[in-house]
Protein backbone atom coordinates (compact mmCIF):
# COMPACT_ATOMS: atom_id res chain seq x y z
CA MET A 1 98.22 67.69 59.74
CA SER A 2 99.96 69.94 57.21
CA LEU A 3 100.95 73.51 57.99
CA VAL A 4 98.33 74.73 55.51
CA GLN A 5 95.60 72.69 57.19
CA SER A 6 96.81 73.86 60.61
CA SER A 7 96.75 77.48 59.46
CA GLN A 8 93.22 77.06 58.14
CA ARG A 9 92.14 75.49 61.42
CA VAL A 10 93.54 78.37 63.44
CA ASN A 11 92.05 81.04 61.19
CA GLN A 12 88.64 79.41 61.47
CA GLU A 13 88.71 79.51 65.26
CA SER A 14 86.74 82.18 67.04
CA ALA A 15 88.41 85.15 68.71
CA PRO A 16 90.52 84.27 71.75
CA GLN A 17 88.87 84.31 75.13
CA PRO A 18 90.23 86.72 77.76
CA VAL A 19 92.61 85.09 80.22
CA ALA A 20 91.93 85.60 83.93
CA SER A 21 95.42 86.74 84.91
CA LEU A 22 97.94 88.01 82.38
CA GLN A 23 100.40 89.76 84.64
CA PRO A 24 103.91 88.26 84.54
CA LYS A 25 105.52 87.55 87.87
CA LEU A 26 108.54 89.84 88.00
CA THR A 27 110.04 91.08 91.24
CA ASN A 28 108.54 92.51 94.38
CA THR A 29 109.92 95.91 93.40
CA SER A 30 108.29 95.89 89.95
CA ARG A 31 106.15 98.97 89.38
CA ALA A 32 103.52 99.38 86.72
CA ALA A 33 104.10 102.21 84.28
CA PHE A 34 100.74 101.61 82.59
CA GLN A 35 97.66 100.17 84.27
CA ILE A 36 95.13 99.34 81.57
CA GLU A 37 91.63 98.12 82.39
CA ASN A 38 88.93 96.87 80.02
CA LEU A 39 90.36 98.79 77.07
CA SER A 40 88.42 98.70 73.81
CA ILE A 41 89.28 100.88 70.81
CA PHE A 42 86.93 101.64 67.92
CA TYR A 43 87.22 103.20 64.47
CA GLY A 44 83.65 104.19 63.79
CA GLU A 45 81.64 101.03 64.37
CA LYS A 46 84.62 98.72 63.95
CA ARG A 47 86.17 97.40 67.17
CA ALA A 48 89.94 97.14 66.66
CA VAL A 49 90.93 96.21 70.23
CA SER A 50 88.62 94.43 72.63
CA ASP A 51 88.54 94.44 76.44
CA VAL A 52 92.28 94.44 77.20
CA THR A 53 93.40 94.49 80.82
CA ILE A 54 97.15 94.57 81.42
CA ASP A 55 99.77 96.19 83.66
CA ILE A 56 102.96 97.16 81.79
CA PRO A 57 105.95 97.27 84.18
CA ALA A 58 108.23 100.28 84.39
CA LYS A 59 111.83 100.39 83.17
CA ILE A 60 111.74 97.18 81.22
CA VAL A 61 111.13 96.41 77.54
CA THR A 62 107.69 95.05 76.70
CA ALA A 63 107.22 93.63 73.20
CA ILE A 64 103.83 93.46 71.48
CA ILE A 65 103.62 90.65 68.93
CA GLY A 66 100.89 89.21 66.75
CA PRO A 67 99.87 88.87 63.09
CA SER A 68 99.11 91.87 60.90
CA GLY A 69 95.81 93.57 61.67
CA CYS A 70 95.53 92.22 65.21
CA GLY A 71 95.49 95.65 66.90
CA LYS A 72 99.13 95.99 67.98
CA SER A 73 99.80 99.46 66.59
CA THR A 74 96.33 100.68 67.55
CA PHE A 75 96.97 99.58 71.12
CA LEU A 76 100.37 101.28 71.11
CA ARG A 77 99.00 104.56 69.77
CA CYS A 78 96.35 104.77 72.46
CA LEU A 79 99.08 104.80 75.13
CA ASN A 80 99.91 108.41 74.22
CA ARG A 81 96.55 109.36 72.72
CA MET A 82 97.86 109.42 69.16
CA HIS A 83 94.89 107.34 67.99
CA GLU A 84 92.78 110.46 68.61
CA LEU A 85 94.38 111.99 65.51
CA THR A 86 92.48 109.43 63.42
CA PRO A 87 88.92 110.46 62.48
CA ASN A 88 86.10 108.55 64.21
CA ALA A 89 88.48 106.86 66.67
CA ARG A 90 87.19 106.39 70.20
CA LEU A 91 88.15 104.49 73.30
CA GLU A 92 86.43 102.76 76.20
CA GLY A 93 88.15 101.69 79.40
CA LEU A 94 90.89 103.14 81.57
CA ILE A 95 94.58 103.86 80.99
CA ARG A 96 96.71 105.12 83.87
CA LEU A 97 100.32 106.26 83.60
CA PHE A 98 102.01 105.93 86.98
CA GLY A 99 98.57 106.18 88.57
CA GLU A 100 97.29 109.16 86.57
CA ASP A 101 94.29 108.75 84.26
CA LEU A 102 95.60 109.76 80.82
CA TYR A 103 92.07 110.31 79.51
CA ALA A 104 90.73 112.45 82.34
CA SER A 105 88.86 115.52 81.12
CA ASP A 106 91.48 117.91 82.50
CA ILE A 107 94.48 116.17 80.87
CA ASN A 108 96.02 117.87 77.83
CA PRO A 109 96.82 115.32 75.08
CA THR A 110 99.90 117.33 74.08
CA LEU A 111 101.32 116.92 77.57
CA VAL A 112 100.59 113.19 77.40
CA ARG A 113 102.61 112.92 74.19
CA ARG A 114 105.44 114.79 75.84
CA ARG A 115 105.49 112.25 78.67
CA VAL A 116 105.07 109.28 76.32
CA GLY A 117 107.31 109.63 73.26
CA MET A 118 106.83 107.75 70.01
CA VAL A 119 109.25 106.38 67.41
CA PHE A 120 107.59 105.27 64.18
CA GLN A 121 108.21 102.44 61.75
CA LYS A 122 109.60 104.76 59.09
CA SER A 123 112.18 107.27 60.26
CA ASN A 124 110.78 110.77 59.84
CA PRO A 125 113.39 113.50 60.36
CA PHE A 126 112.13 116.92 59.33
CA PRO A 127 113.56 117.36 55.82
CA THR A 128 114.26 121.10 56.03
CA MET A 129 116.03 120.89 59.40
CA SER A 130 119.62 120.12 60.29
CA ILE A 131 120.64 117.23 62.52
CA ALA A 132 120.80 119.58 65.50
CA GLU A 133 117.48 121.26 64.72
CA ASN A 134 115.76 117.90 64.38
CA VAL A 135 116.79 116.96 67.92
CA ILE A 136 115.89 120.17 69.72
CA VAL A 137 112.76 121.15 67.79
CA GLY A 138 110.50 119.73 70.50
CA LEU A 139 112.29 121.73 73.18
CA LYS A 140 111.86 124.93 71.18
CA LEU A 141 108.17 124.22 70.66
CA ASN A 142 107.91 123.83 74.43
CA GLY A 143 109.40 127.27 74.92
CA VAL A 144 113.03 126.46 75.72
CA ARG A 145 115.20 129.30 74.41
CA ASP A 146 118.35 129.12 76.53
CA ARG A 147 121.12 128.23 74.08
CA ARG A 148 123.22 126.56 76.77
CA VAL A 149 120.32 124.31 77.77
CA LEU A 150 119.58 123.48 74.15
CA ASN A 151 123.19 122.57 73.42
CA GLU A 152 123.43 120.43 76.54
CA ARG A 153 120.23 118.57 75.72
CA LEU A 154 121.34 118.16 72.10
CA GLU A 155 124.55 116.39 73.07
CA GLU A 156 122.90 114.42 75.85
CA SER A 157 120.13 113.14 73.55
CA LEU A 158 122.48 112.23 70.73
CA ARG A 159 124.71 110.36 73.18
CA MET A 160 121.74 108.46 74.57
CA ALA A 161 120.79 107.56 71.00
CA ALA A 162 124.37 106.33 70.35
CA LEU A 163 124.73 108.87 67.54
CA TRP A 164 126.88 111.67 68.96
CA ASP A 165 130.25 110.31 67.89
CA GLU A 166 128.98 109.82 64.34
CA VAL A 167 127.52 113.30 63.82
CA LYS A 168 129.18 115.69 66.30
CA ASP A 169 131.24 117.33 63.54
CA ASP A 170 128.31 117.59 61.11
CA LEU A 171 125.45 118.92 63.23
CA ASN A 172 124.48 121.47 60.57
CA ARG A 173 124.01 118.85 57.86
CA PRO A 174 120.41 118.04 56.91
CA GLY A 175 118.95 115.25 59.00
CA ILE A 176 117.82 113.44 55.86
CA SER A 177 121.45 113.20 54.69
CA LEU A 178 122.05 110.45 57.27
CA SER A 179 121.73 106.74 56.55
CA GLY A 180 118.47 104.97 57.32
CA GLY A 181 119.70 103.57 60.61
CA GLN A 182 121.18 106.91 61.63
CA GLN A 183 117.92 108.66 60.78
CA GLN A 184 116.02 106.28 63.05
CA ARG A 185 118.45 106.94 65.90
CA LEU A 186 118.07 110.67 65.19
CA CYS A 187 114.32 110.27 65.65
CA ILE A 188 114.97 108.44 68.93
CA ALA A 189 117.21 111.33 70.04
CA ARG A 190 114.41 113.76 69.16
CA ALA A 191 111.97 111.79 71.27
CA LEU A 192 114.42 111.64 74.19
CA ALA A 193 115.25 115.36 74.09
CA VAL A 194 112.00 116.34 75.83
CA LYS A 195 112.72 113.79 78.57
CA PRO A 196 109.69 111.51 78.34
CA GLU A 197 108.89 108.89 80.94
CA VAL A 198 108.01 106.22 78.36
CA LEU A 199 109.21 105.48 74.83
CA LEU A 200 106.86 103.74 72.41
CA MET A 201 108.39 102.12 69.31
CA ASP A 202 106.30 100.92 66.38
CA GLU A 203 108.40 98.51 64.28
CA PRO A 204 111.49 100.74 64.70
CA ALA A 205 113.86 98.46 62.79
CA SER A 206 111.60 96.90 60.16
CA ALA A 207 113.08 98.97 57.32
CA LEU A 208 116.72 98.66 58.43
CA ASP A 209 119.56 96.35 57.47
CA PRO A 210 120.87 93.81 60.03
CA ILE A 211 123.73 96.01 61.26
CA ALA A 212 121.47 99.03 61.81
CA THR A 213 118.89 96.75 63.45
CA MET A 214 121.52 95.47 65.87
CA LYS A 215 122.42 99.05 66.82
CA ILE A 216 118.76 99.87 67.50
CA GLU A 217 118.36 96.73 69.62
CA ASN A 218 121.53 97.50 71.60
CA LEU A 219 120.26 101.02 72.12
CA ILE A 220 116.95 99.70 73.45
CA GLN A 221 118.82 97.64 76.04
CA GLN A 222 120.73 100.71 77.19
CA LEU A 223 117.68 102.95 77.34
CA LYS A 224 115.62 100.64 79.53
CA GLU A 225 117.82 101.56 82.49
CA ASN A 226 116.04 104.92 82.52
CA TYR A 227 112.92 104.46 80.41
CA THR A 228 109.90 102.23 80.11
CA ILE A 229 109.90 100.92 76.52
CA VAL A 230 107.00 99.34 74.66
CA ILE A 231 107.87 98.00 71.21
CA VAL A 232 105.62 96.58 68.50
CA THR A 233 107.43 94.10 66.27
CA HIS A 234 106.61 91.47 63.66
CA ASN A 235 110.08 90.04 64.17
CA MET A 236 109.73 87.39 66.87
CA GLN A 237 113.49 86.90 67.04
CA GLN A 238 113.79 90.59 67.80
CA ALA A 239 111.17 90.33 70.55
CA ALA A 240 113.04 87.36 72.02
CA ARG A 241 116.37 89.22 71.91
CA CYS A 242 115.49 92.60 73.30
CA SER A 243 112.36 92.38 75.46
CA ASP A 244 111.78 91.36 79.07
CA CYS A 245 108.03 90.75 78.72
CA THR A 246 105.94 89.91 75.67
CA ALA A 247 102.24 90.37 74.97
CA PHE A 248 100.63 88.34 72.19
CA PHE A 249 97.61 89.90 70.46
CA TYR A 250 95.25 88.09 68.13
CA LEU A 251 92.05 89.39 66.50
CA GLY A 252 92.12 92.50 68.67
CA GLN A 253 92.39 90.64 71.96
CA LEU A 254 95.25 90.04 74.35
CA VAL A 255 95.81 86.28 74.40
CA GLU A 256 98.83 86.05 76.69
CA PHE A 257 101.26 88.29 78.56
CA ASP A 258 104.26 86.98 80.44
CA LYS A 259 108.02 87.03 80.67
CA THR A 260 109.53 86.78 77.21
CA GLN A 261 111.44 83.61 77.99
CA LYS A 262 108.23 81.86 79.05
CA ILE A 263 106.27 83.09 76.06
CA PHE A 264 108.87 81.69 73.67
CA THR A 265 109.69 78.46 75.48
CA ASN A 266 106.59 77.42 77.39
CA PRO A 267 103.53 79.54 76.54
CA SER A 268 100.35 78.94 78.49
CA GLU A 269 97.98 79.32 75.53
CA GLN A 270 97.81 77.06 72.49
CA GLN A 271 97.21 80.05 70.21
CA THR A 272 100.47 81.61 71.40
CA GLU A 273 102.38 78.41 70.67
CA ASP A 274 100.75 78.10 67.26
CA TYR A 275 101.82 81.65 66.37
CA ILE A 276 105.40 81.55 67.58
CA THR A 277 105.99 78.16 65.93
CA GLY A 278 104.74 79.49 62.59
CA ARG A 279 101.49 77.56 62.29
CA PHE A 280 99.76 80.82 61.34
CA GLY A 281 100.52 84.50 61.00
């Protein structure tokens, strides 16, 4: 069967059926950062994500892969309630962060986004702000005024983002004067400055050259010592390189979730194998 015929066969198949158990076997000390049960996400009448149940372990990197339009970014955005910024978006199901219901009626979405930071596909430093101001703007919005604290957090965040040595003598330069890769690391520093518990990354290196991409991937490996990281990527080689667990989405459903090595070498589901071997996508 040709690849074209195989692709047509896959695309004609119905949506994937939920798998009974999708939790990868890690270690006895593994702790779930997110506990997600029967999650469905809608835009108006359209269901973008359907009945997802998954536990995302803490302090590891979890990659979300799948073809365009399969619900990856929608799923990611619901983890810090950013999907609520889209008109007519609604959610069914349960999402807990370290045991706390993120959608409980008494939970402030702004506080959720402080606990769960986001780095977007396109770097978005504030154009009128300096490098330093870009990093500490979130702290100032949260009421931090102590200059000593701000300076300490500025250096700490830039060091964690592997950017301090490159910009320490130019902190008053506009953030947008940096290269593309540096701007993305600046945005990571900005997210880290408010000390989140989780860092979400939506295609953080898709617009970067190979050298800048390598720096972002190395940074991800360093950050997972202290942070839970969930990354959406179309680049399966990137998922294989920098993640510990991988979830494969297709047509809005979670097909398979396991250790990355197993997903890429011996997946349990035929649809997963078809995708990672390039038969569709």
